[in-house]
N, C-alpha and C. Protein backbone atom coordinates (compact mmCIF):
# COMPACT_ATOMS: atom_id res chain seq x y z
N MET A 1 0.94 -1.20 -0.25
CA MET A 1 -0.03 -0.03 -0.11
C MET A 1 0.85 1.07 0.01
N ARG A 2 0.46 2.07 -0.80
CA ARG A 2 1.42 3.37 -0.88
C ARG A 2 0.18 4.41 -0.04
N GLY A 3 0.89 5.52 0.12
CA GLY A 3 0.31 6.76 1.09
C GLY A 3 0.04 6.73 2.62
N GLU A 4 1.15 5.79 3.19
CA GLU A 4 0.93 6.28 4.44
C GLU A 4 1.97 7.29 4.84
N SER A 5 1.47 7.84 5.99
CA SER A 5 2.49 9.25 6.58
C SER A 5 3.13 8.39 7.65
N ARG A 6 4.18 9.56 8.07
CA ARG A 6 5.13 8.88 9.40
C ARG A 6 4.22 9.31 10.61
N PRO A 7 4.32 8.38 11.69
CA PRO A 7 3.89 8.56 12.82
C PRO A 7 4.47 9.86 13.43
N GLY A 8 3.49 10.67 14.16
CA GLY A 8 3.98 11.77 14.91
C GLY A 8 2.45 12.56 15.22
N PRO A 9 2.83 13.96 15.71
CA PRO A 9 1.80 14.76 16.29
C PRO A 9 0.95 15.00 15.13
N VAL A 10 -0.48 15.11 15.26
CA VAL A 10 -1.38 15.39 14.55
C VAL A 10 -2.55 16.24 15.29
N VAL A 11 -2.86 17.58 14.51
CA VAL A 11 -3.95 18.08 14.74
C VAL A 11 -5.07 17.88 13.75
N LEU A 12 -6.47 17.76 14.30
CA LEU A 12 -7.44 17.12 13.73
C LEU A 12 -8.35 18.53 13.44
N ILE A 13 -8.55 18.63 12.25
CA ILE A 13 -9.31 20.06 11.83
C ILE A 13 -10.83 19.56 11.86
N GLY A 14 -11.79 20.16 12.73
CA GLY A 14 -13.25 19.53 12.59
C GLY A 14 -13.40 18.95 13.91
N ALA A 15 -14.05 19.40 14.75
CA ALA A 15 -14.25 18.76 16.07
C ALA A 15 -15.75 18.07 15.97
N GLY A 16 -16.31 17.58 15.09
CA GLY A 16 -17.94 17.06 14.97
C GLY A 16 -17.75 15.64 15.12
N ASP A 17 -18.89 15.27 14.26
CA ASP A 17 -19.20 13.66 14.57
C ASP A 17 -17.55 13.09 13.79
N LEU A 18 -17.30 13.36 12.70
CA LEU A 18 -16.28 12.99 12.17
C LEU A 18 -14.86 12.69 12.82
N GLY A 19 -14.78 13.93 13.46
CA GLY A 19 -13.85 14.07 14.54
C GLY A 19 -13.89 13.02 15.59
N ARG A 20 -14.77 12.76 15.96
CA ARG A 20 -14.96 11.69 17.17
C ARG A 20 -15.01 10.65 16.49
N ASP A 21 -15.15 10.33 15.34
CA ASP A 21 -15.26 8.83 14.41
C ASP A 21 -13.25 8.87 14.53
N ALA A 22 -12.74 9.74 13.80
CA ALA A 22 -11.40 9.80 13.76
C ALA A 22 -10.60 9.41 14.86
N LEU A 23 -11.16 9.43 16.31
CA LEU A 23 -10.26 9.18 17.39
C LEU A 23 -10.58 7.80 17.51
N SER A 24 -11.35 7.36 16.89
CA SER A 24 -11.21 5.66 17.02
C SER A 24 -10.32 5.13 16.22
N VAL A 25 -9.83 5.67 15.19
CA VAL A 25 -8.56 5.04 14.50
C VAL A 25 -7.46 5.81 15.05
N HIS A 26 -7.44 6.49 15.71
CA HIS A 26 -6.18 6.95 16.35
C HIS A 26 -5.94 6.05 17.53
N HIS A 27 -6.92 5.65 18.01
CA HIS A 27 -6.77 4.74 19.31
C HIS A 27 -5.96 3.37 18.80
N ALA A 28 -6.57 3.11 17.83
CA ALA A 28 -5.93 1.83 17.23
C ALA A 28 -4.45 2.00 16.66
N LEU A 29 -4.53 3.01 15.96
CA LEU A 29 -3.11 3.40 15.67
C LEU A 29 -2.01 3.68 17.02
N HIS A 30 -2.44 4.25 17.54
CA HIS A 30 -1.60 4.88 18.88
C HIS A 30 -1.29 3.32 19.64
N ALA A 31 -1.95 2.22 19.50
CA ALA A 31 -1.80 1.17 20.37
C ALA A 31 -0.60 0.21 19.71
N GLU A 32 -0.50 0.43 18.16
CA GLU A 32 0.58 0.12 17.71
C GLU A 32 1.98 0.69 17.59
N ASP A 33 1.53 1.95 17.64
CA ASP A 33 3.00 2.81 17.51
C ASP A 33 2.64 4.12 18.27
N PRO A 34 3.26 4.43 19.53
CA PRO A 34 2.72 5.47 20.37
C PRO A 34 2.83 6.69 19.83
N ARG A 35 4.07 6.75 18.91
CA ARG A 35 4.29 8.25 18.61
C ARG A 35 3.35 8.86 17.64
N TRP A 36 2.23 7.97 17.21
CA TRP A 36 1.04 9.07 16.93
C TRP A 36 0.21 9.47 18.10
N GLU A 37 0.15 10.87 18.00
CA GLU A 37 -0.27 11.71 18.90
C GLU A 37 -1.44 12.63 18.79
N VAL A 38 -2.37 12.82 19.10
CA VAL A 38 -3.29 13.68 18.67
C VAL A 38 -3.06 15.05 19.68
N VAL A 39 -2.63 16.17 18.86
CA VAL A 39 -2.40 17.42 19.89
C VAL A 39 -3.80 18.18 20.25
N GLY A 40 -4.68 17.78 19.56
CA GLY A 40 -5.89 18.69 19.72
C GLY A 40 -6.65 18.80 18.46
N PHE A 41 -8.08 19.42 18.71
CA PHE A 41 -8.83 19.64 17.67
C PHE A 41 -8.81 20.96 17.38
N LEU A 42 -9.06 21.54 15.82
CA LEU A 42 -9.08 22.85 15.45
C LEU A 42 -10.45 23.10 14.77
N ASP A 43 -11.37 23.97 15.34
CA ASP A 43 -12.67 24.12 14.58
C ASP A 43 -12.92 25.71 14.81
N ASP A 44 -13.52 26.50 13.51
CA ASP A 44 -13.65 27.56 13.50
C ASP A 44 -15.09 28.11 13.98
N GLY A 45 -15.62 27.19 14.55
CA GLY A 45 -17.24 27.22 14.65
C GLY A 45 -17.08 27.91 16.27
N PRO A 46 -18.23 28.93 16.26
CA PRO A 46 -18.26 29.97 17.49
C PRO A 46 -18.22 28.93 18.91
N GLY A 47 -17.56 29.56 19.76
CA GLY A 47 -17.66 28.62 21.23
C GLY A 47 -16.66 27.48 21.24
N ARG A 48 -16.21 26.86 20.36
CA ARG A 48 -15.72 25.71 20.29
C ARG A 48 -14.22 25.49 20.89
N ALA A 49 -13.52 26.84 20.67
CA ALA A 49 -12.34 26.90 21.29
C ALA A 49 -12.34 26.60 22.75
N GLY A 50 -11.51 26.17 23.42
CA GLY A 50 -11.30 25.86 25.00
C GLY A 50 -12.08 24.63 25.47
N THR A 51 -12.82 23.97 24.61
CA THR A 51 -13.96 22.99 25.00
C THR A 51 -12.98 21.67 24.70
N THR A 52 -13.50 20.73 25.04
CA THR A 52 -13.08 19.38 24.75
C THR A 52 -13.92 18.48 23.97
N VAL A 53 -13.45 17.56 23.17
CA VAL A 53 -14.10 16.39 22.60
C VAL A 53 -13.44 15.01 22.95
N LEU A 54 -14.53 14.23 23.68
CA LEU A 54 -13.73 13.13 24.10
C LEU A 54 -12.61 13.15 24.92
N GLY A 55 -12.35 14.30 25.89
CA GLY A 55 -11.34 14.48 26.64
C GLY A 55 -10.01 15.05 25.73
N VAL A 56 -10.13 15.54 24.42
CA VAL A 56 -9.09 15.95 23.70
C VAL A 56 -9.66 17.60 23.31
N PRO A 57 -8.57 18.54 23.68
CA PRO A 57 -9.01 19.41 23.57
C PRO A 57 -9.04 20.48 22.48
N VAL A 58 -10.03 21.29 22.28
CA VAL A 58 -10.15 22.14 21.11
C VAL A 58 -9.27 23.60 20.95
N LEU A 59 -8.16 23.69 20.11
CA LEU A 59 -7.12 24.53 20.49
C LEU A 59 -7.40 25.73 20.04
N GLY A 60 -8.28 25.74 19.22
CA GLY A 60 -8.63 27.30 18.66
C GLY A 60 -9.26 26.86 17.18
N GLY A 61 -9.16 27.95 16.25
CA GLY A 61 -9.63 27.85 14.80
C GLY A 61 -8.45 27.46 14.02
N THR A 62 -8.73 27.35 12.88
CA THR A 62 -7.52 27.05 11.81
C THR A 62 -6.37 28.15 12.04
N ASP A 63 -6.76 29.17 12.38
CA ASP A 63 -5.37 30.15 12.52
C ASP A 63 -4.31 29.75 13.41
N TRP A 64 -4.80 28.73 14.29
CA TRP A 64 -3.83 28.37 15.42
C TRP A 64 -2.72 27.66 14.49
N LEU A 65 -2.76 27.03 12.93
CA LEU A 65 -1.68 26.31 12.63
C LEU A 65 -0.99 27.34 12.29
N GLU A 66 -0.97 28.75 11.98
CA GLU A 66 -0.28 29.84 11.46
C GLU A 66 0.62 30.23 12.84
N ARG A 67 -0.13 30.35 13.85
CA ARG A 67 0.26 31.30 15.04
C ARG A 67 1.27 30.01 15.92
N ARG A 68 0.78 29.10 16.08
CA ARG A 68 1.48 28.37 17.15
C ARG A 68 1.87 26.75 17.13
N ALA A 69 1.39 26.50 15.60
CA ALA A 69 1.68 24.96 15.44
C ALA A 69 3.11 24.36 15.61
N PRO A 70 3.55 23.42 16.26
CA PRO A 70 4.77 23.05 16.25
C PRO A 70 5.18 22.53 14.42
N ALA A 71 6.66 22.64 14.51
CA ALA A 71 7.22 22.54 13.18
C ALA A 71 6.93 20.92 12.79
N ASP A 72 6.96 20.15 13.64
CA ASP A 72 6.59 18.96 13.15
C ASP A 72 5.03 18.26 13.42
N VAL A 73 4.25 19.10 13.37
CA VAL A 73 2.82 18.67 13.16
C VAL A 73 2.33 18.46 12.04
N GLN A 74 1.53 17.62 11.90
CA GLN A 74 0.78 17.41 10.68
C GLN A 74 -0.83 17.64 11.03
N ALA A 75 -1.58 17.66 10.10
CA ALA A 75 -2.95 17.85 10.05
C ALA A 75 -3.80 16.80 9.31
N LEU A 76 -4.72 16.41 9.85
CA LEU A 76 -6.25 15.78 9.13
C LEU A 76 -7.29 16.32 9.26
N LEU A 77 -8.11 16.39 8.12
CA LEU A 77 -9.20 16.99 8.06
C LEU A 77 -10.59 15.77 8.42
N THR A 78 -11.21 16.58 9.54
CA THR A 78 -12.11 15.81 9.86
C THR A 78 -13.64 16.31 9.90
N VAL A 79 -13.64 17.06 8.81
CA VAL A 79 -15.32 17.70 8.47
C VAL A 79 -15.51 16.78 7.23
N GLY A 80 -16.98 16.63 7.19
CA GLY A 80 -17.59 15.32 6.30
C GLY A 80 -17.79 16.26 4.84
N ALA A 81 -18.40 17.59 4.95
CA ALA A 81 -18.64 18.09 3.72
C ALA A 81 -17.37 17.92 2.58
N PRO A 82 -17.33 17.33 1.71
CA PRO A 82 -16.46 17.47 0.63
C PRO A 82 -15.99 18.83 0.20
N ALA A 83 -16.90 19.90 -0.20
CA ALA A 83 -16.59 21.28 -0.42
C ALA A 83 -16.24 21.66 0.76
N ALA A 84 -16.45 21.83 1.91
CA ALA A 84 -15.77 22.20 2.95
C ALA A 84 -14.27 21.91 3.06
N ARG A 85 -14.07 20.53 3.02
CA ARG A 85 -13.03 20.00 2.86
C ARG A 85 -11.97 20.49 2.14
N ARG A 86 -12.49 20.85 0.82
CA ARG A 86 -11.54 21.31 -0.36
C ARG A 86 -11.17 22.89 0.20
N THR A 87 -12.08 23.67 0.58
CA THR A 87 -11.55 24.92 1.17
C THR A 87 -10.59 24.69 2.08
N LEU A 88 -10.87 24.32 3.29
CA LEU A 88 -9.77 23.94 4.53
C LEU A 88 -8.65 23.34 3.75
N ALA A 89 -8.56 22.37 3.07
CA ALA A 89 -7.21 21.94 2.47
C ALA A 89 -6.55 22.80 2.02
N ALA A 90 -7.06 23.69 0.94
CA ALA A 90 -6.25 24.82 0.34
C ALA A 90 -5.73 25.95 1.54
N ARG A 91 -6.56 26.15 2.41
CA ARG A 91 -6.04 27.05 3.26
C ARG A 91 -4.81 26.35 4.19
N VAL A 92 -4.70 25.18 4.55
CA VAL A 92 -3.87 24.56 5.15
C VAL A 92 -2.51 24.13 4.10
N ASP A 93 -2.78 23.98 2.79
CA ASP A 93 -1.54 23.84 1.95
C ASP A 93 -0.73 25.12 1.64
N ALA A 94 -1.66 26.16 1.75
CA ALA A 94 -1.15 27.64 1.97
C ALA A 94 -0.20 27.77 3.16
N LEU A 95 -0.36 27.14 4.10
CA LEU A 95 0.56 27.39 5.28
C LEU A 95 1.88 26.19 5.25
N GLY A 96 1.84 25.17 4.44
CA GLY A 96 2.92 24.22 4.24
C GLY A 96 2.84 23.27 5.26
N VAL A 97 1.52 23.05 5.89
CA VAL A 97 1.61 22.03 6.91
C VAL A 97 1.30 20.55 6.58
N PRO A 98 1.98 19.48 6.66
CA PRO A 98 2.04 18.36 5.94
C PRO A 98 0.77 17.55 6.49
N TRP A 99 0.10 16.78 5.78
CA TRP A 99 -0.93 15.86 6.06
C TRP A 99 -0.51 14.41 6.58
N ALA A 100 -1.25 14.25 7.65
CA ALA A 100 -1.26 12.64 7.95
C ALA A 100 -2.32 12.04 7.23
N THR A 101 -2.34 10.66 6.99
CA THR A 101 -2.98 9.76 6.45
C THR A 101 -3.05 8.48 7.08
N TRP A 102 -4.28 8.31 7.63
CA TRP A 102 -4.67 7.40 8.80
C TRP A 102 -5.54 6.37 8.17
N VAL A 103 -4.83 4.93 8.38
CA VAL A 103 -5.53 3.77 7.93
C VAL A 103 -5.81 2.79 8.94
N HIS A 104 -6.82 2.57 9.56
CA HIS A 104 -7.15 1.63 10.50
C HIS A 104 -6.42 0.51 10.35
N PRO A 105 -5.90 -0.14 11.55
CA PRO A 105 -5.20 -1.36 11.20
C PRO A 105 -5.84 -2.78 10.74
N THR A 106 -7.28 -2.49 11.10
CA THR A 106 -8.02 -3.75 10.45
C THR A 106 -8.42 -3.70 8.97
N VAL A 107 -8.26 -2.25 8.45
CA VAL A 107 -8.52 -2.46 6.93
C VAL A 107 -7.78 -3.95 6.16
N VAL A 108 -8.44 -4.27 5.35
CA VAL A 108 -8.07 -5.13 4.39
C VAL A 108 -7.36 -4.47 3.04
N VAL A 109 -5.89 -4.71 2.98
CA VAL A 109 -5.56 -3.57 1.76
C VAL A 109 -4.15 -4.29 1.31
N THR A 110 -4.14 -4.14 0.04
CA THR A 110 -2.95 -4.96 -0.68
C THR A 110 -1.99 -4.14 -0.95
N PRO A 111 -0.57 -4.40 -1.67
CA PRO A 111 0.28 -3.68 -1.74
C PRO A 111 -0.15 -2.91 -3.43
N TRP A 112 -1.17 -3.40 -4.13
CA TRP A 112 -1.47 -2.89 -5.14
C TRP A 112 -2.38 -1.49 -4.64
N VAL A 113 -2.76 -1.05 -3.87
CA VAL A 113 -3.57 0.06 -3.66
C VAL A 113 -2.98 1.42 -3.39
N GLU A 114 -3.20 2.54 -4.02
CA GLU A 114 -2.70 3.43 -3.63
C GLU A 114 -3.90 4.63 -2.81
N ILE A 115 -3.58 5.14 -1.77
CA ILE A 115 -4.09 5.78 -0.91
C ILE A 115 -3.75 7.52 -0.89
N GLY A 116 -4.36 8.22 -1.22
CA GLY A 116 -3.85 9.71 -1.08
C GLY A 116 -3.69 10.50 0.12
N GLU A 117 -2.97 11.31 0.17
CA GLU A 117 -2.50 12.01 1.20
C GLU A 117 -3.66 12.75 1.90
N GLY A 118 -3.76 12.65 3.39
CA GLY A 118 -4.57 13.18 4.17
C GLY A 118 -6.10 12.49 4.25
N SER A 119 -5.84 11.38 3.66
CA SER A 119 -6.87 10.40 3.79
C SER A 119 -7.43 9.73 5.19
N LEU A 120 -8.63 9.34 5.21
CA LEU A 120 -8.94 8.71 6.34
C LEU A 120 -9.95 7.49 6.22
N VAL A 121 -9.37 6.20 6.34
CA VAL A 121 -9.69 5.08 6.26
C VAL A 121 -10.29 4.35 7.37
N MET A 122 -11.46 4.16 8.00
CA MET A 122 -12.00 3.62 9.06
C MET A 122 -11.83 2.12 9.26
N ALA A 123 -12.56 1.58 10.44
CA ALA A 123 -12.26 0.06 10.23
C ALA A 123 -12.85 -1.02 9.55
N ARG A 124 -12.16 -1.88 9.11
CA ARG A 124 -12.87 -3.30 8.48
C ARG A 124 -13.34 -2.75 7.13
N SER A 125 -12.68 -1.99 6.50
CA SER A 125 -12.89 -1.62 5.14
C SER A 125 -12.21 -2.64 4.12
N THR A 126 -12.41 -2.79 3.08
CA THR A 126 -11.77 -3.84 2.18
C THR A 126 -11.43 -3.46 0.73
N PHE A 127 -10.33 -3.21 0.37
CA PHE A 127 -9.45 -2.83 -1.18
C PHE A 127 -8.99 -3.84 -1.82
N THR A 128 -9.40 -4.06 -2.80
CA THR A 128 -8.67 -5.28 -3.43
C THR A 128 -7.34 -4.94 -4.30
N VAL A 129 -7.33 -4.93 -5.37
CA VAL A 129 -6.11 -4.45 -6.27
C VAL A 129 -6.35 -3.31 -7.34
N GLU A 130 -5.29 -2.57 -7.71
CA GLU A 130 -5.31 -1.52 -8.64
C GLU A 130 -6.50 -0.50 -8.16
N VAL A 131 -6.40 -0.24 -7.03
CA VAL A 131 -7.17 0.79 -6.66
C VAL A 131 -6.28 2.26 -6.40
N ARG A 132 -7.18 3.32 -6.50
CA ARG A 132 -6.35 4.23 -6.18
C ARG A 132 -7.51 5.57 -5.64
N LEU A 133 -7.27 5.85 -4.47
CA LEU A 133 -7.77 6.91 -3.58
C LEU A 133 -7.11 8.21 -3.71
N GLY A 134 -7.68 9.42 -4.13
CA GLY A 134 -7.04 10.55 -4.35
C GLY A 134 -7.06 11.31 -2.87
N ARG A 135 -6.76 12.46 -3.16
CA ARG A 135 -6.13 13.39 -1.63
C ARG A 135 -7.56 13.38 -0.88
N HIS A 136 -7.40 13.12 0.62
CA HIS A 136 -8.38 13.60 1.45
C HIS A 136 -9.79 12.83 1.22
N VAL A 137 -9.76 11.81 0.97
CA VAL A 137 -10.99 10.77 0.88
C VAL A 137 -11.14 10.33 2.16
N VAL A 138 -12.64 10.30 2.64
CA VAL A 138 -12.93 9.78 3.82
C VAL A 138 -13.62 8.51 3.75
N VAL A 139 -13.14 6.99 4.13
CA VAL A 139 -13.91 5.72 3.89
C VAL A 139 -14.40 5.39 5.27
N ASN A 140 -15.75 5.18 5.65
CA ASN A 140 -16.19 4.91 6.94
C ASN A 140 -16.05 3.48 7.11
N PRO A 141 -16.34 2.81 8.18
CA PRO A 141 -16.39 1.48 8.36
C PRO A 141 -17.12 0.80 7.57
N GLY A 142 -16.61 -0.55 7.13
CA GLY A 142 -17.22 -1.69 6.46
C GLY A 142 -17.61 -1.11 4.82
N CYS A 143 -16.45 -0.64 4.52
CA CYS A 143 -16.57 -0.23 2.94
C CYS A 143 -16.14 -1.55 2.42
N THR A 144 -16.67 -1.70 0.92
CA THR A 144 -15.93 -2.73 0.02
C THR A 144 -15.75 -2.21 -1.34
N VAL A 145 -14.02 -2.36 -1.71
CA VAL A 145 -13.82 -1.44 -2.90
C VAL A 145 -13.01 -2.30 -3.52
N ALA A 146 -13.76 -2.76 -4.72
CA ALA A 146 -13.10 -3.87 -5.83
C ALA A 146 -12.06 -3.13 -6.80
N HIS A 147 -11.76 -4.22 -7.70
CA HIS A 147 -10.46 -3.88 -8.49
C HIS A 147 -10.75 -3.04 -9.30
N ASP A 148 -9.56 -1.90 -9.72
CA ASP A 148 -9.38 -1.01 -10.31
C ASP A 148 -10.41 0.25 -10.46
N VAL A 149 -11.06 0.49 -8.99
CA VAL A 149 -11.62 1.58 -8.81
C VAL A 149 -10.65 2.90 -8.47
N ARG A 150 -11.40 3.99 -9.00
CA ARG A 150 -10.70 5.32 -9.12
C ARG A 150 -11.71 5.92 -8.07
N ILE A 151 -11.26 6.49 -6.97
CA ILE A 151 -11.85 7.47 -5.96
C ILE A 151 -11.30 8.94 -6.16
N GLY A 152 -11.85 9.97 -6.50
CA GLY A 152 -11.22 11.08 -6.49
C GLY A 152 -10.94 12.04 -5.35
N GLU A 153 -10.22 13.02 -5.54
CA GLU A 153 -10.02 13.87 -4.15
C GLU A 153 -11.39 14.23 -3.56
N PHE A 154 -11.44 14.27 -1.94
CA PHE A 154 -12.32 14.77 -1.40
C PHE A 154 -13.66 14.21 -1.51
N CYS A 155 -13.76 12.72 -1.79
CA CYS A 155 -14.93 12.20 -1.90
C CYS A 155 -15.18 11.64 -0.36
N TYR A 156 -16.43 11.13 -0.09
CA TYR A 156 -16.64 10.65 1.09
C TYR A 156 -17.66 9.50 0.92
N LEU A 157 -17.27 8.41 1.58
CA LEU A 157 -17.77 7.02 1.65
C LEU A 157 -18.58 6.82 3.14
N SER A 158 -19.63 6.91 2.85
CA SER A 158 -20.58 6.53 4.20
C SER A 158 -20.22 4.97 4.63
N PRO A 159 -20.52 4.42 5.68
CA PRO A 159 -20.57 3.12 6.20
C PRO A 159 -21.12 2.24 5.34
N GLY A 160 -20.62 1.11 5.06
CA GLY A 160 -20.92 -0.03 4.34
C GLY A 160 -21.13 0.39 2.80
N VAL A 161 -20.52 1.03 2.13
CA VAL A 161 -20.79 1.45 0.59
C VAL A 161 -19.84 0.37 -0.16
N ASP A 162 -20.53 -0.05 -1.17
CA ASP A 162 -20.01 -1.22 -1.81
C ASP A 162 -19.76 -0.94 -3.30
N LEU A 163 -18.36 -0.63 -3.79
CA LEU A 163 -18.04 -0.19 -5.16
C LEU A 163 -17.47 -1.45 -5.79
N ALA A 164 -18.18 -1.79 -6.86
CA ALA A 164 -17.96 -3.11 -7.69
C ALA A 164 -16.40 -2.68 -8.48
N GLY A 165 -16.30 -3.52 -9.36
CA GLY A 165 -14.97 -3.27 -10.27
C GLY A 165 -15.04 -2.09 -11.24
N ARG A 166 -14.12 -1.07 -11.55
CA ARG A 166 -13.77 -0.22 -12.27
C ARG A 166 -14.75 0.90 -12.34
N VAL A 167 -15.45 1.07 -11.09
CA VAL A 167 -15.96 2.34 -10.46
C VAL A 167 -15.38 3.53 -10.63
N VAL A 168 -15.53 4.49 -11.18
CA VAL A 168 -15.26 5.72 -10.88
C VAL A 168 -16.07 6.69 -10.12
N LEU A 169 -15.28 7.51 -8.90
CA LEU A 169 -16.24 8.38 -8.21
C LEU A 169 -15.33 9.70 -8.42
N GLU A 170 -15.91 10.87 -9.38
CA GLU A 170 -15.18 12.14 -9.67
C GLU A 170 -15.10 12.62 -8.29
N PRO A 171 -13.86 13.84 -8.18
CA PRO A 171 -13.93 14.72 -7.09
C PRO A 171 -15.13 15.21 -6.27
N GLU A 172 -15.21 14.85 -4.97
CA GLU A 172 -16.05 15.68 -4.04
C GLU A 172 -17.70 14.56 -4.26
N ALA A 173 -17.73 13.45 -4.66
CA ALA A 173 -18.75 12.96 -4.66
C ALA A 173 -19.07 12.30 -3.24
N TYR A 174 -20.27 12.15 -2.93
CA TYR A 174 -20.77 12.06 -1.66
C TYR A 174 -21.61 10.61 -1.56
N LEU A 175 -21.38 9.55 -1.11
CA LEU A 175 -22.27 8.18 -1.26
C LEU A 175 -22.80 7.75 0.33
N GLY A 176 -23.86 7.84 0.53
CA GLY A 176 -24.89 7.64 1.64
C GLY A 176 -24.71 6.06 2.20
N THR A 177 -25.14 5.64 3.44
CA THR A 177 -24.75 4.47 4.07
C THR A 177 -25.46 3.64 3.14
N GLY A 178 -24.69 2.51 2.70
CA GLY A 178 -25.15 1.35 2.03
C GLY A 178 -25.14 1.34 0.65
N ALA A 179 -24.81 2.49 0.09
CA ALA A 179 -24.91 2.85 -1.16
C ALA A 179 -24.05 1.63 -2.20
N VAL A 180 -24.66 1.36 -3.20
CA VAL A 180 -23.92 0.50 -3.94
C VAL A 180 -23.85 0.83 -5.63
N VAL A 181 -22.51 0.70 -6.02
CA VAL A 181 -22.47 0.90 -7.35
C VAL A 181 -22.09 -0.16 -8.30
N ILE A 182 -22.71 -0.34 -9.32
CA ILE A 182 -22.33 -1.80 -10.17
C ILE A 182 -21.01 -1.53 -11.04
N PRO A 183 -20.61 -2.63 -11.53
CA PRO A 183 -19.15 -2.48 -12.13
C PRO A 183 -19.33 -1.65 -13.53
N GLY A 184 -18.28 -0.50 -13.14
CA GLY A 184 -18.02 0.45 -14.66
C GLY A 184 -18.70 1.40 -14.49
N ARG A 185 -19.26 1.98 -13.72
CA ARG A 185 -20.11 3.21 -13.60
C ARG A 185 -19.37 4.25 -13.02
N THR A 186 -20.00 5.50 -13.60
CA THR A 186 -19.22 6.88 -13.10
C THR A 186 -20.22 7.56 -12.27
N VAL A 187 -19.46 8.16 -11.08
CA VAL A 187 -20.55 8.93 -10.25
C VAL A 187 -19.94 10.46 -10.36
N GLY A 188 -20.42 11.42 -10.97
CA GLY A 188 -20.00 12.81 -11.31
C GLY A 188 -19.57 13.42 -10.19
N GLN A 189 -18.95 14.32 -10.61
CA GLN A 189 -18.21 15.42 -9.50
C GLN A 189 -19.47 16.04 -8.85
N GLY A 190 -19.27 16.13 -7.54
CA GLY A 190 -20.08 16.45 -6.69
C GLY A 190 -21.46 15.97 -6.21
N ALA A 191 -21.91 14.73 -7.05
CA ALA A 191 -22.97 13.91 -6.85
C ALA A 191 -23.02 13.35 -5.44
N VAL A 192 -24.41 13.31 -5.07
CA VAL A 192 -24.47 13.06 -4.16
C VAL A 192 -25.63 11.48 -4.10
N ILE A 193 -25.05 10.39 -3.64
CA ILE A 193 -26.01 9.03 -3.51
C ILE A 193 -26.54 9.04 -2.50
N GLY A 194 -27.96 8.85 -2.24
CA GLY A 194 -28.69 8.71 -1.14
C GLY A 194 -28.29 7.28 -0.41
N ALA A 195 -28.71 7.17 0.60
CA ALA A 195 -28.38 5.91 1.52
C ALA A 195 -29.27 4.63 1.10
N GLY A 196 -28.53 3.58 0.81
CA GLY A 196 -28.92 2.50 0.27
C GLY A 196 -29.49 2.59 -1.20
N ALA A 197 -29.12 3.45 -2.04
CA ALA A 197 -29.35 3.63 -3.31
C ALA A 197 -28.47 2.71 -4.00
N VAL A 198 -28.79 2.16 -5.23
CA VAL A 198 -28.06 1.23 -6.06
C VAL A 198 -28.12 1.94 -7.79
N VAL A 199 -26.74 2.25 -7.88
CA VAL A 199 -26.48 3.00 -9.00
C VAL A 199 -26.01 1.83 -10.26
N VAL A 200 -27.06 1.94 -11.19
CA VAL A 200 -26.93 1.17 -12.34
C VAL A 200 -26.73 1.76 -13.63
N ARG A 201 -26.67 2.87 -13.63
CA ARG A 201 -26.19 3.91 -14.73
C ARG A 201 -25.44 4.91 -14.04
N ASP A 202 -24.53 5.57 -15.17
CA ASP A 202 -23.80 6.59 -14.70
C ASP A 202 -24.52 8.04 -14.08
N ILE A 203 -24.02 8.53 -13.00
CA ILE A 203 -24.70 9.86 -12.45
C ILE A 203 -24.03 11.13 -12.72
N PRO A 204 -24.72 12.28 -13.36
CA PRO A 204 -24.01 13.33 -13.92
C PRO A 204 -23.53 14.12 -12.83
N ALA A 205 -22.48 15.00 -13.17
CA ALA A 205 -21.96 15.75 -11.87
C ALA A 205 -22.87 16.52 -11.12
N GLY A 206 -23.19 16.69 -9.97
CA GLY A 206 -23.94 17.77 -8.97
C GLY A 206 -25.44 17.15 -8.92
N VAL A 207 -25.43 15.94 -9.40
CA VAL A 207 -26.91 15.40 -9.16
C VAL A 207 -27.00 14.60 -7.90
N THR A 208 -28.21 14.72 -7.33
CA THR A 208 -28.64 14.05 -6.14
C THR A 208 -29.48 12.97 -6.49
N ALA A 209 -29.06 11.65 -6.30
CA ALA A 209 -29.81 10.40 -6.96
C ALA A 209 -30.18 9.41 -5.55
N VAL A 210 -31.29 8.87 -5.73
CA VAL A 210 -31.76 8.04 -4.74
C VAL A 210 -32.39 6.96 -5.43
N GLY A 211 -32.75 5.93 -4.42
CA GLY A 211 -33.52 4.84 -4.70
C GLY A 211 -32.92 3.66 -5.27
N VAL A 212 -33.51 2.61 -5.69
CA VAL A 212 -33.23 1.46 -6.37
C VAL A 212 -34.25 1.03 -7.45
N PRO A 213 -33.57 1.42 -8.91
CA PRO A 213 -32.51 1.80 -8.99
C PRO A 213 -32.03 3.49 -8.84
N ALA A 214 -31.01 3.70 -8.58
CA ALA A 214 -30.65 5.24 -8.04
C ALA A 214 -31.20 6.16 -9.36
N ARG A 215 -32.06 6.97 -8.93
CA ARG A 215 -32.72 8.24 -10.03
C ARG A 215 -32.27 9.46 -9.57
N SER A 216 -31.91 10.54 -10.31
CA SER A 216 -32.06 12.06 -9.99
C SER A 216 -33.30 12.42 -9.43
N ARG A 217 -33.49 13.00 -8.26
CA ARG A 217 -34.55 13.38 -7.52
C ARG A 217 -35.35 14.28 -8.69
N GLU A 218 -34.81 15.02 -9.65
CA GLU A 218 -35.65 15.75 -10.52
C GLU A 218 -36.44 14.66 -11.23
N ALA A 219 -35.54 13.46 -11.58
CA ALA A 219 -36.32 12.46 -12.57
C ALA A 219 -37.48 11.75 -11.81
N ARG A 220 -37.57 11.79 -11.00
CA ARG A 220 -38.69 10.76 -10.33
C ARG A 220 -40.14 11.54 -10.13
């Protein structure tokens, strides 16, 4: 597998639900290598600074990286919305802060899988061969990704997503819980696939598709 980052201190950007889920990955990684350390959360939301999330401090907003970040700190995006992650990534990239890439130890992954920097892959997901994930992809627990799949940057896979062979997810696609994409289909940039939907034909960019088979809300 390519894409693993070096163990070290990390700040999590986003102190909401995905941030809490990310702590479960950290718990497993830290058990294997104590050099993985969560320094704290960063969150620009009002009133978040000075609070704690599962015992982890919210250090402040993203400007903390510019004002106080240690030289060796890495960052990991823990905000779910793909467009918001893209905006935050550009801000952090401009500061030159490196990205952590976290893959839970229970993930089944082969040497023929490439995981982009800044990605977060949670427990018990499976990747077979010739799979490529772009930057800042989120894969929730229990996803299955078959051969020759391409997942663009900032995509979000909810728990239990099933991608068959040669599926293409264009950047910022969002797949709801239990969504299925049959072999060779493409989900366009920024498209949203509803929970439990089954994609049997290509989905255009920016469309929200739901149901079995998945259809655009506008077309139903």
